[in-house]
Protein backbone atom coordinates (compact mmCIF):
# COMPACT_ATOMS: atom_id res chain seq x y z
CA MET A 1 46.86 47.95 -62.94
CA VAL A 2 47.30 44.15 -62.96
CA SER A 3 44.77 42.35 -65.11
CA ASP A 4 42.82 39.67 -63.39
CA ASP A 5 40.77 36.60 -64.17
CA TRP A 6 38.47 36.35 -61.14
CA ARG A 7 35.54 34.05 -61.29
CA PHE A 8 32.71 34.66 -58.76
CA THR A 9 29.94 32.26 -57.62
CA ASP A 10 27.20 32.32 -54.95
CA ASP A 11 27.44 28.54 -54.79
CA VAL A 12 29.90 27.22 -51.97
CA GLU A 13 30.16 23.78 -53.54
CA ASP A 14 31.13 25.22 -56.93
CA PHE A 15 33.72 27.38 -55.12
CA LEU A 16 35.14 24.37 -53.37
CA ALA A 17 35.37 22.32 -56.62
CA ARG A 18 37.56 25.14 -57.93
CA ALA A 19 39.53 26.27 -54.80
CA GLY A 20 39.38 23.49 -52.46
CA GLY A 21 42.79 22.05 -53.50
CA PHE A 22 44.50 25.55 -53.38
CA LEU A 23 43.12 26.21 -49.83
CA ARG A 24 44.29 22.75 -48.53
CA SER A 25 47.74 23.38 -50.02
CA ARG A 26 48.67 25.85 -47.39
CA PRO A 27 46.32 24.98 -44.44
CA VAL A 28 48.26 27.05 -41.90
CA LEU A 29 47.94 30.29 -43.77
CA HIS A 30 44.49 29.44 -45.03
CA ASN A 31 43.06 28.18 -41.67
CA THR A 32 40.23 30.67 -41.47
CA PRO A 33 38.95 30.23 -44.99
CA LEU A 34 39.14 26.34 -44.51
CA THR A 35 37.09 26.55 -41.33
CA ASP A 36 34.73 29.25 -42.53
CA ILE A 37 33.95 27.56 -45.87
CA GLU A 38 33.62 24.14 -44.14
CA ARG A 39 31.02 25.68 -41.77
CA LEU A 40 29.09 27.32 -44.48
CA ARG A 41 29.02 24.12 -46.53
CA ALA A 42 27.84 22.08 -43.57
CA ARG A 43 24.99 24.53 -42.76
CA GLY A 44 23.74 24.72 -46.25
CA ALA A 45 24.82 28.05 -47.39
CA GLY A 46 25.40 28.74 -51.06
CA ALA A 47 22.09 28.59 -52.85
CA PRO A 48 21.78 31.80 -54.92
CA GLY A 49 19.90 34.34 -52.82
CA THR A 50 19.89 32.37 -49.62
CA GLY A 51 22.23 31.57 -46.75
CA ALA A 52 22.55 29.66 -43.58
CA ARG A 53 19.60 30.25 -41.18
CA GLY A 54 18.18 32.98 -43.53
CA VAL A 55 21.44 35.08 -43.74
CA GLU A 56 21.96 36.47 -47.18
CA ALA A 57 24.41 34.27 -48.98
CA GLY A 58 27.84 35.43 -49.43
CA PHE A 59 29.93 35.39 -52.67
CA PHE A 60 33.03 33.39 -53.43
CA GLY A 61 35.75 34.42 -55.93
CA VAL A 62 38.69 32.51 -57.45
CA LEU A 63 41.67 34.19 -59.12
CA GLU A 64 43.31 31.95 -61.69
CA SER A 65 46.54 32.62 -63.46
CA GLY A 66 47.98 30.30 -66.15
CA GLY A 67 45.22 27.74 -65.36
CA GLU A 68 46.15 27.53 -61.59
CA VAL A 69 44.29 29.01 -58.65
CA CYS A 70 46.44 31.61 -56.98
CA ALA A 71 44.04 33.34 -54.61
CA VAL A 72 40.49 33.39 -53.21
CA VAL A 73 38.06 35.97 -51.74
CA TYR A 74 34.78 35.34 -50.03
CA ARG A 75 32.26 37.38 -48.08
CA ARG A 76 31.42 36.32 -44.66
CA PRO A 77 27.81 36.51 -43.29
CA ARG A 78 28.11 39.99 -41.92
CA GLY A 79 29.74 41.58 -44.83
CA HIS A 80 33.52 41.38 -44.29
CA VAL A 81 35.55 39.85 -47.02
CA TRP A 82 38.48 37.50 -46.28
CA ILE A 83 41.29 37.49 -48.88
CA THR A 84 44.20 35.22 -49.21
CA PRO A 85 47.64 36.71 -50.03
CA LEU A 86 47.57 39.08 -53.11
CA SER A 87 50.01 41.63 -54.53
CA ALA A 88 49.06 45.25 -54.14
CA GLY A 89 48.25 45.44 -57.91
CA ARG A 90 45.89 42.55 -57.74
CA ALA A 91 44.25 43.88 -54.58
CA GLU A 92 43.60 47.14 -56.50
CA ALA A 93 42.11 45.14 -59.35
CA LEU A 94 39.83 43.13 -57.02
CA VAL A 95 38.56 46.29 -55.42
CA ALA A 96 37.74 47.90 -58.79
CA ARG A 97 35.86 44.64 -59.73
CA LEU A 98 33.83 44.52 -56.59
CA ALA A 99 33.12 48.17 -56.44
CA GLY A 100 32.20 48.17 -59.99
CA VAL A 101 29.40 45.67 -59.58
CA ASP A 102 28.20 47.18 -56.32
CA ARG A 103 29.08 44.26 -54.14
CA PHE A 104 28.31 45.00 -50.45
CA VAL A 105 31.56 44.95 -48.43
CA SER A 106 31.65 46.06 -44.66
CA GLY A 107 35.27 45.47 -44.15
CA VAL A 108 38.20 43.25 -45.06
CA LEU A 109 40.43 40.70 -43.19
CA GLY A 110 43.57 38.86 -44.36
CA ASP A 111 47.34 38.87 -43.93
CA HIS A 112 48.58 42.36 -43.01
CA ASP A 113 49.96 43.51 -46.37
CA THR A 114 46.98 42.11 -48.50
CA ALA A 115 44.22 43.47 -46.15
CA THR A 116 46.08 46.97 -45.81
CA ALA A 117 46.37 47.15 -49.70
CA PHE A 118 42.74 46.24 -50.13
CA ALA A 119 41.54 48.75 -47.49
CA GLY A 120 43.51 51.60 -49.20
CA ALA A 121 42.17 50.68 -52.49
CA TRP A 122 38.71 50.52 -51.15
CA GLN A 123 39.01 53.94 -49.70
CA ARG A 124 40.24 55.35 -53.09
CA HIS A 125 37.33 53.82 -54.96
CA THR A 126 34.47 54.31 -52.61
CA GLY A 127 35.48 57.02 -50.12
CA ALA A 128 34.91 54.74 -47.13
CA VAL A 129 37.59 55.29 -44.47
CA PRO A 130 38.96 51.90 -43.24
CA VAL A 131 39.39 51.56 -39.42
CA PRO A 132 41.46 48.68 -38.19
CA PHE A 133 39.49 46.72 -35.52
CA TRP A 134 41.50 43.41 -35.30
CA ARG A 135 45.35 42.66 -35.18
CA THR A 136 46.77 39.31 -34.54
CA HIS A 137 49.77 37.04 -34.74
CA LEU A 138 49.36 33.65 -36.21
CA TYR A 139 51.17 30.71 -34.55
CA ARG A 140 51.82 27.15 -35.66
CA LEU A 141 52.65 24.24 -33.31
CA GLY A 142 56.01 22.77 -33.71
CA SER A 143 57.34 20.39 -30.99
CA LEU A 144 54.66 20.36 -28.14
CA THR A 145 56.34 21.07 -24.82
CA PRO A 146 54.31 20.70 -21.63
CA PRO A 147 54.57 23.47 -19.22
CA ARG A 148 56.95 23.36 -16.29
CA PRO A 149 55.77 23.36 -13.57
CA HIS A 150 52.79 21.48 -14.51
CA PRO A 151 49.63 22.33 -12.70
CA GLU A 152 47.82 19.75 -10.71
CA GLY A 153 44.52 18.60 -12.22
CA ARG A 154 43.49 17.05 -15.51
CA GLY A 155 41.83 17.75 -18.75
CA ARG A 156 38.23 16.73 -19.48
CA ILE A 157 36.24 16.96 -22.74
CA VAL A 158 33.21 19.14 -22.14
CA GLY A 159 29.73 17.40 -22.13
CA GLU A 160 26.27 18.68 -22.52
CA ARG A 161 25.96 19.25 -18.77
CA ASP A 162 28.71 21.81 -19.08
CA ARG A 163 26.80 23.95 -21.67
CA ASP A 164 25.92 26.69 -19.22
CA GLN A 165 29.44 26.92 -17.94
CA VAL A 166 30.95 27.03 -21.45
CA VAL A 167 28.56 29.79 -22.69
CA CYS A 168 29.25 31.83 -19.53
CA TRP A 169 33.06 31.63 -20.07
CA CYS A 170 32.82 32.20 -23.89
CA ARG A 171 30.72 35.44 -23.05
CA GLU A 172 33.58 36.46 -20.38
CA PHE A 173 36.06 35.85 -23.04
CA CYS A 174 34.34 38.02 -25.65
CA VAL A 175 34.21 40.95 -23.11
CA ASP A 176 37.86 40.58 -22.42
CA VAL A 177 38.81 40.77 -26.06
CA GLY A 178 36.13 43.27 -27.14
CA GLU A 179 34.04 40.99 -29.46
CA GLN A 180 30.77 42.71 -29.12
CA ARG A 181 29.08 40.90 -31.91
CA SER A 182 29.76 37.60 -30.39
CA ILE A 183 28.37 38.80 -27.13
CA ASP A 184 25.19 39.91 -28.71
CA LEU A 185 24.68 36.52 -30.49
CA ILE A 186 25.30 34.61 -27.22
CA ASP A 187 22.88 36.86 -25.28
CA ALA A 188 20.30 36.44 -27.91
CA GLY A 189 20.52 32.71 -27.49
CA SER A 190 22.03 32.14 -30.87
CA TRP A 191 24.82 29.90 -29.77
CA ASP A 192 25.00 28.02 -32.97
CA ASP A 193 25.24 31.29 -34.98
CA SER A 194 28.21 32.39 -32.78
CA ARG A 195 31.68 31.55 -33.75
CA PHE A 196 31.79 29.02 -30.85
CA GLY A 197 28.87 26.90 -31.98
CA ASP A 198 30.97 24.33 -33.79
CA ARG A 199 33.93 24.07 -31.42
CA HIS A 200 35.05 21.16 -29.42
CA PHE A 201 35.72 22.25 -25.80
CA THR A 202 37.96 20.84 -23.07
CA PHE A 203 38.11 21.93 -19.42
CA TRP A 204 41.11 21.78 -17.20
CA GLU A 205 39.86 20.70 -13.81
CA SER A 206 41.43 21.01 -10.34
CA PRO A 207 42.15 17.78 -8.44
CA GLU A 208 38.68 18.31 -6.86
CA GLY A 209 37.09 18.14 -10.26
CA VAL A 210 36.28 21.97 -10.58
CA PRO A 211 36.73 23.48 -14.06
CA VAL A 212 39.45 26.27 -13.82
CA SER A 213 40.17 26.94 -17.47
CA MET A 214 38.98 25.97 -20.92
CA ALA A 215 40.16 25.68 -24.57
CA ALA A 216 38.53 24.58 -27.81
CA VAL A 217 39.47 23.46 -31.28
CA THR A 218 37.78 23.46 -34.73
CA SER A 219 37.27 20.20 -36.39
CA VAL A 220 40.07 18.83 -38.64
CA VAL A 221 39.89 20.38 -41.93
CA GLY A 222 42.64 19.98 -44.63
CA GLY A 223 44.80 18.34 -41.91
CA MET A 224 44.65 21.45 -39.73
CA VAL A 225 42.83 22.54 -36.46
CA ARG A 226 42.78 25.91 -34.92
CA VAL A 227 42.82 26.34 -31.16
CA ASP A 228 40.12 28.80 -30.17
CA PRO A 229 39.34 30.22 -27.76
CA VAL A 230 41.66 29.75 -24.58
CA TYR A 231 40.22 31.29 -21.48
CA THR A 232 40.96 31.30 -17.82
CA PRO A 233 38.78 33.46 -15.34
CA ALA A 234 40.84 36.43 -14.11
CA ARG A 235 40.88 35.27 -10.43
CA LEU A 236 42.59 31.88 -11.64
CA ARG A 237 45.29 33.29 -13.85
CA GLY A 238 49.06 32.94 -13.32
CA ARG A 239 48.76 29.27 -12.26
CA GLY A 240 49.53 27.46 -15.37
CA TYR A 241 46.08 26.39 -16.25
CA ALA A 242 45.90 27.94 -19.73
CA GLY A 243 49.14 26.38 -20.79
CA ALA A 244 47.96 22.94 -19.41
CA VAL A 245 44.65 22.95 -21.28
CA THR A 246 46.19 24.33 -24.43
CA VAL A 247 48.65 21.44 -24.35
CA GLU A 248 45.82 19.12 -23.66
CA VAL A 249 43.71 20.14 -26.80
CA SER A 250 46.77 20.36 -28.93
CA ARG A 251 47.99 16.84 -28.07
CA ALA A 252 44.43 15.54 -28.70
CA ALA A 253 44.33 17.22 -32.12
CA LEU A 254 47.66 15.63 -33.25
CA ALA A 255 46.32 12.25 -31.88
CA ALA A 256 43.18 12.66 -34.02
CA GLY A 257 45.27 13.06 -37.01
CA ALA A 258 45.85 16.84 -37.50
CA ARG A 259 49.21 17.66 -39.11
CA ASP A 260 49.04 21.35 -38.25
CA VAL A 261 47.69 22.97 -35.09
CA VAL A 262 47.49 26.75 -35.24
CA LEU A 263 46.23 29.57 -33.04
CA PHE A 264 45.83 33.42 -33.31
CA THR A 265 47.13 35.64 -30.43
CA ASP A 266 46.69 39.23 -29.49
CA PRO A 267 49.76 41.21 -30.21
CA ASP A 268 49.15 43.51 -27.19
CA ASN A 269 49.30 40.46 -24.74
CA PRO A 270 52.87 39.57 -24.07
CA THR A 271 52.03 37.07 -21.49
CA SER A 272 49.96 34.76 -23.85
CA ASN A 273 52.51 35.07 -26.67
CA ALA A 274 55.17 34.03 -24.36
CA LEU A 275 53.17 31.06 -23.08
CA TYR A 276 52.40 29.72 -26.46
CA ARG A 277 56.17 30.01 -27.42
CA ARG A 278 57.08 28.06 -24.25
CA ILE A 279 54.81 25.10 -25.11
CA GLY A 280 56.06 24.94 -28.74
CA TYR A 281 54.20 27.35 -31.02
CA SER A 282 56.10 29.74 -33.42
CA ARG A 283 54.81 32.86 -34.96
CA VAL A 284 54.37 32.52 -38.74
CA ALA A 285 52.38 35.46 -40.04
CA ASP A 286 50.46 38.73 -39.09
CA PHE A 287 46.90 39.33 -39.88
CA ILE A 288 44.61 42.45 -39.60
CA GLY A 289 40.96 43.35 -40.06
CA TYR A 290 39.51 46.79 -41.26
CA ASP A 291 35.82 48.05 -40.85
CA PHE A 292 34.58 50.20 -43.72
CA SER A 293 31.42 51.35 -41.47
CA CYS A 294 31.34 54.13 -38.91
CA ASP A 295 31.28 51.47 -36.13
CA ALA A 296 33.86 51.78 -33.50
CA PRO A 297 36.84 49.28 -33.45
CA GLY A 298 36.03 46.07 -31.86
CA ALA A 299 32.67 45.59 -33.75
CA GLY A 300 34.06 42.67 -35.82
CA GLU A 301 34.05 38.91 -35.25
CA VAL A 302 37.11 37.36 -36.65
CA THR A 303 37.43 33.55 -36.14
């Protein structure tokens, strides 16, 4: 087994002091940790024993080798850990460390090889059977190419008066992709606690000013933004609206100073994957999530 030098803390500021530079050094691959940690920091999570809005604080781990940070792990509010790339041996060592101190872990997310190695090791150490609930391709924007033909209409930044429409479409999006936990939070009125609460939304409107599609982006962190979600109601699909609104938010992100614009796609949706490639996005990596509970696949919330 590979020896490790993991350092753990419950303090997000301490974690960022150690690992912030490492996360920002590869903002495309680290896009989810960057946005997750920034959100936790902004919401005041990290004091020992506490968390944002009363949620139990997660833990944050930093792996150092030769005085340099080479990986991080952290637990998200609902118990899944996110891990940056690790060798199989180091994943095994991390599992032994976490299981040995009885850290609560309900699942794992990360790049395909790392998360799969961790899930297998977790089963060997704890007997919990990993169930995959999330698979995705990570895409990065290269040269932005507006769709042809370009649909009529224009983009419009969402305002407060659009809140009900955004909430409705986010719920419909979650139904489409099977994100039950996000649906539950939205239905409970916990918009700020849902994964959409910190997004910046844009509508694509018809020439008559009627919203027909939407896309959102995260704030710029480490020079990176992530497009999420992109949604068009089923009755309006196939008209180029999703491509138009994705180009709109991507262009705006670049104008705001983002160096990298990324998005996740469903591997089982060839239509959306082809669309993103046409407008300038290229696939760079595959990610996966495993649940360690008895819940059915689809119980996870991932971005």
